[in-house]
Structures are given as structure tokens and as C-alpha cells.
Amino acid sequence: MMHRNAQTLGDAIREFFEDNAELRGKILEIRVIRAWSEILGPMVAQYTHNIYVKDKVLHVSLTSSVLRSELVLCRERLVKSLNDYAGSAVIQDIIIR
């Protein structure tokens, strides 16, 4: 038996994140960080040793200069792919070191 004021779990979660935008932002940043290894695969992930988001910029440190050069060339496409994976415009740029 449903009550009139009952809401779905999805609606409750959406409402929670609307009221807690900072938390939602952090979760989306975590999605982007996870997306890095999901999209680029284990080969790139093994050369990635430091990755974080600050001020809508994904910072990535790589141990391979060859890989770094290749990824810098496709930064814009990576931004789009990572944001698509996260389901929101989480990052605006990527700094690859």
C-alpha cells in the first residue's frame, strides 16, 4: 500500500543531490577519475600515477613521455569522452604531466 507522500528511491536520491550540490560534484569527479582507466584501458592506467580534479581541470601524471605526448594531442576529445562517461560536464580541460 503506497502513501500519497511516498516517493521513489530515485526521486529521493535526486532530491538529496539537489540539496547537496557539493557532494554531487565530488561524486561526478570520482566518476571522471574512474572513467580515465575505463576509457583509456589498463595499458594507460599502468602509466598513470597521480590523477585528481581541481577547479574543473583533470590533472594526470604519466610515467611515459611518449604516451604523454600522444594524449596531449587528443585532450579535447578526452574531455568530451570523460564528461560523457560521467554524464555531466565535470571537467573543462586536462593537464597531462
Protein backbone atom coordinates (compact mmCIF):
# COMPACT_ATOMS: atom_id res chain seq x y z
CA MET A 1 0.00 0.00 0.00
CA MET A 2 1.56 3.33 -1.13
CA HIS A 3 1.02 6.56 0.72
CA ARG A 4 0.27 9.77 -1.11
CA ASN A 5 3.52 11.36 0.00
CA ALA A 6 5.64 8.34 -0.92
CA GLN A 7 8.38 8.96 -3.46
CA THR A 8 10.54 6.58 -5.42
CA LEU A 9 14.08 5.90 -4.28
CA GLY A 10 15.35 7.56 -7.45
CA ASP A 11 13.36 10.72 -6.69
CA ALA A 12 14.66 10.74 -3.12
CA ILE A 13 18.27 10.39 -4.29
CA ARG A 14 17.82 13.13 -6.93
CA GLU A 15 16.33 15.43 -4.30
CA PHE A 16 19.21 14.64 -1.91
CA PHE A 17 21.81 15.59 -4.54
CA GLU A 18 19.91 18.76 -5.48
CA ASP A 19 20.15 19.78 -1.82
CA ASN A 20 23.83 18.68 -1.62
CA ALA A 21 25.41 20.02 -4.81
CA GLU A 22 28.95 19.88 -3.42
CA LEU A 23 28.63 16.15 -2.69
CA ARG A 24 27.15 15.55 -6.14
CA GLY A 25 30.11 17.40 -7.66
CA LYS A 26 32.59 15.22 -5.77
CA ILE A 27 30.84 12.04 -6.92
CA LEU A 28 30.97 13.25 -10.53
CA GLU A 29 34.69 13.98 -10.13
CA ILE A 30 35.21 10.41 -8.91
CA ARG A 31 33.31 9.17 -11.98
CA VAL A 32 35.67 11.12 -14.26
CA ILE A 33 38.72 9.71 -12.47
CA ARG A 34 37.35 6.17 -12.84
CA ALA A 35 36.49 6.89 -16.47
CA TRP A 36 40.16 7.56 -17.20
CA SER A 37 41.14 3.91 -16.86
CA GLU A 38 37.81 2.64 -18.23
CA ILE A 39 38.07 4.68 -21.43
CA LEU A 40 41.83 4.52 -21.96
CA GLY A 41 42.26 0.95 -20.71
CA PRO A 42 44.71 -0.87 -18.46
CA MET A 43 47.73 -0.04 -20.65
CA VAL A 44 47.35 3.70 -20.00
CA ALA A 45 46.24 3.12 -16.40
CA GLN A 46 49.54 1.40 -15.58
CA TYR A 47 51.43 4.56 -16.62
CA THR A 48 49.08 6.85 -14.68
CA HIS A 49 50.36 7.52 -11.17
CA ASN A 50 48.54 10.63 -9.98
CA ILE A 51 45.09 11.76 -11.07
CA TYR A 52 42.74 14.30 -9.50
CA VAL A 53 40.25 17.05 -10.36
CA LYS A 54 40.70 20.64 -9.22
CA ASP A 55 38.67 23.62 -10.43
CA LYS A 56 37.10 21.66 -13.31
CA VAL A 57 40.52 20.57 -14.59
CA LEU A 58 41.65 16.94 -14.59
CA HIS A 59 45.31 16.66 -13.61
CA VAL A 60 47.05 13.49 -14.74
CA SER A 61 50.67 12.46 -14.20
CA LEU A 62 52.11 9.83 -16.52
CA THR A 63 55.38 7.94 -16.31
CA SER A 64 55.68 7.62 -20.11
CA SER A 65 56.73 10.70 -22.10
CA VAL A 66 55.67 9.04 -25.37
CA LEU A 67 52.17 8.35 -24.02
CA ARG A 68 52.02 11.86 -22.57
CA SER A 69 52.77 13.37 -26.00
CA GLU A 70 50.08 11.24 -27.67
CA LEU A 71 47.40 12.09 -25.11
CA VAL A 72 48.13 15.82 -25.17
CA LEU A 73 47.22 15.79 -28.88
CA CYS A 74 43.73 14.43 -28.18
CA ARG A 75 42.94 16.39 -24.98
CA GLU A 76 39.72 17.94 -26.30
CA ARG A 77 38.33 14.56 -27.37
CA LEU A 78 39.32 13.10 -23.99
CA VAL A 79 37.48 15.88 -22.13
CA LYS A 80 34.32 15.11 -24.11
CA SER A 81 34.63 11.34 -23.62
CA LEU A 82 35.26 11.63 -19.87
CA ASN A 83 32.35 14.04 -19.39
CA ASP A 84 30.07 11.79 -21.46
CA TYR A 85 31.07 8.83 -19.28
CA ALA A 86 30.33 10.82 -16.11
CA GLY A 87 27.02 12.02 -17.53
CA SER A 88 27.78 15.68 -16.82
CA ALA A 89 30.21 18.46 -17.79
CA VAL A 90 32.55 17.80 -14.87
CA ILE A 91 35.83 18.96 -16.42
CA GLN A 92 36.74 21.68 -18.91
CA ASP A 93 40.36 20.74 -19.54
CA ILE A 94 43.06 18.17 -18.83
CA ILE A 95 46.61 18.90 -17.74
CA ILE A 96 48.88 15.99 -18.54
CA ARG A 97 52.30 15.93 -16.91
